[in-house]
Structures are given as structure tokens and as C-alpha cells.
Amino acid sequence: MSIEVKEVSSRKELKQFIHYPFQLYRGSQFWLPPIYKDEINFLNPRKNKALANADTILFLAYRAGELCGRVMGIINRAYNERTGQKRARFFKFDCINDAAVSHALLYSVDKWAQNKGMDGVIGPYGFSDKDPQGLLIQGFEQRAVIITPYNFPYYAELVENEGYGKEIDLVEYLIPVPEKIPDFYRRIYERVTQNPNLKNLEFRKKHEFKPYIIPILELLNETYSDIYGFVPLDRPEMIKFANDYMMILDPDFIKVVLENDQVISFIIAIPDLGPALQKTKGRLFPFGFIRVLIEMKRTDYLVLMLGGVRRSHQGTGLDVMMGTKMLESASRRGIKTINGHLMLETNHKVRAEMEKMGGTVCKQYRVYCKGLRA
């Protein structure tokens, strides 16, 4: 049966593109609906500045007139110029288990990229590392957490059949919250806290945290600069990033360390809001956000989102200092498990710390790559 692939060119088709995964994963207990408003804003040039610095295209696939797949093509021009690459990306790839459908979709992105002068394609990968990355290749019977992908097991075979191979893997850890802070952590913590120039900040209200948002994101730019796929945030993006996530931040799980009033390290986690997003189908308004806030207060599951230590202070124990305070807060709130979120397989230092705390890999994701013929 022939497959028709159509470029999205109308509001109706854009709505179909956004809604398709809600249809495909209907009934799945493991797929986590994205925040619906975020999906709309992601594809709106007035809301997503990244669209102005990239070439993009959206495709829908139909079989016998029925929608059966979607994919987005991205060329991040700024990233390519900075890195000297000529690679496109495929993103938001979803389809039924049919090799003809996946071929039609991925071939369309490949040809589009080739016509734009690209010599390769990677994916699934968005505009930057702040978007969900990779295909899930291990851990299918666990629910996704916020800003991580979920896909059916057949996806990997469909992508690999199109000539895509491994670019890099990411892993996700589960860490049990100990009843008692380990002695080796406590000893390092006590040593570090004796430094009179350091000030460990904890917060009770969100407004107390606001003055530190921009300094934290500036430190993020510094510490993440060498990470695969990282794109620095400019000032307007920092403000938008802060506004987008302020509602789901919990002051208990924000830790900041100052030295002479300068932010030198931070760690941010959020209580798991997955069950609430599943119940509300990703819609926060008009009443979904109430369910989200309630769920975040009663969950026993915490998701690590961001963390960083100024390069000049790495290896000095600041990570242990913040980790100890985070474990104490988690214990007070009845948290049983911490999810380590997406982490590059090559981040051996942080992975070793997680394993030292009893963490085990629960999921594995793969970013694929493919060369294009000239």
C-alpha cells in the first residue's frame, strides 16, 4: 500500500502534527504527554526563538488516507557554523510499526537535508540538548519523566533499517534515597563547609530564588559549553527559560552555593509530575495545573534536572555539599527515589558519583547519525 508524505502547510495539518503522538500512544502507561501548550509554542516562531536561527520542515505520512506518522527536519545554522558541521537533524519522529512509513518519512528528511547542502543527519535531536534527545532503546516498561523521550521498542529497528548508526548514547539513573547520609559524603561535606567564603543557600519561597536565576543560567552556559549538542542561552532565552519552568520549581529542591556573593555551583530537581500530566493529557489549563501541584506535593519520586560547578571549583567537594543538602531535603519530604535524568554515556565523573550512591541505569537512549551522499 503506497505511503503519501505531505509537508505541513496549513493550521489543520499543524494541529494533526501536534496531536499525532497523543493518538499513537493512547492507552500507554509509559508514555508521558508533553505539556500541550509547550508543544504549540515550540512550533510557533513568535514563541520559539530557535526557529529564527534554523531551517525547519514538518512532514506527515498517510496510508490509505489515514495519518500514520510524522517527523520534523531541523538545520541548526548557528550550531553548524560554530562547529563547522553540515548536518541536519530529524526530530519528533513517530509512526506506526511499518517500515514503508518510516522509510517514507526519514527519506523525506534526508532528501530535504541533502537539497540544503547537508552531508549528514543526526536524530532524534531537537534544536539543542534542552529538548528530548534520542530514541529509547532500553527501559521500555518504565514511565518517562519530564523532557525525556518515550517510544515503542520497534522504533530502533525502523531507524536502523534506514542506514542510521550510533552517534552517542545517553543513560538515566535511579538512585535510592538512603535513610542516613553515607559517612564518606558526610566527611567531605564537613570539610567543605568549613570554608568561610562559601555560603550554601536554601529557599522556602520561589521569590527568594528569583534573583539567582540569571546567574545560574550564566553558569550553566559556562559549565555546559563542551557538552554534546549544547547551545548557549542568551539573555532573552534565559528569561523565557526561567518563566517556562517557574511554576513547577519547588524551593525545597533548589540548592545554590555562593563564594563572595557569586554563584559557583547549583543543583535543581523537581518532584515528579508525570502521573498528573498523564491524567490531564498534558493540559495545564484551566484546571490541570492544580492537579500537577497536588501531585508534586505528594510524590515520593524526584527528578534531577540541572546542575553545575564552576570549572575553577570542580573537584573541591561542592557537588557533595549540594548533594548532601538535596538528600536531606528529599528525606524530609518522603522522597524514596531520585531519577538522574538524561546523562551522556561519556560523563564518567558524574556517573561514578551516582553509582557510588547506589544508582543503577534504568534507561538508555541513542542518538543516531547517517552520512548523506554528495
Foldseek 3Di string as FASTA:
>chain_A
DAKDKDWDDDPVVLVCLLCVVCVVCPPPPAEFFAQSVVSVLCPDVVRNVQPVQKDKIKMWMDDPNHTFWIKMKIDRNVVCVVVVALEIEIASTDGDLDLNRLCVHVVVNQVVSVVVVHFKYKDPDDQFPQAAGFEWQFQQPHHDFHRHGHDDNSVVVSVVVNVWDFDFKKFKKKFFQDPDDDPVLVVLLVVVVVPPQKDKDADQDLVVCVVCQVLVLVQVCQFCVPPPRHDRDDDVRSVSVCVVCSLQFGRQFWMFMDGPNHTFKIWGKGQTQRVLSVVVVSYCPDPSVVSSVVCRQQGLEMETDDIDGHPVCPPSSVVSNSVVSNSVSSVVSNRGMYMDPIDTPPPVVVVVVRVVSVMDTNIMGGMIMHTRDD
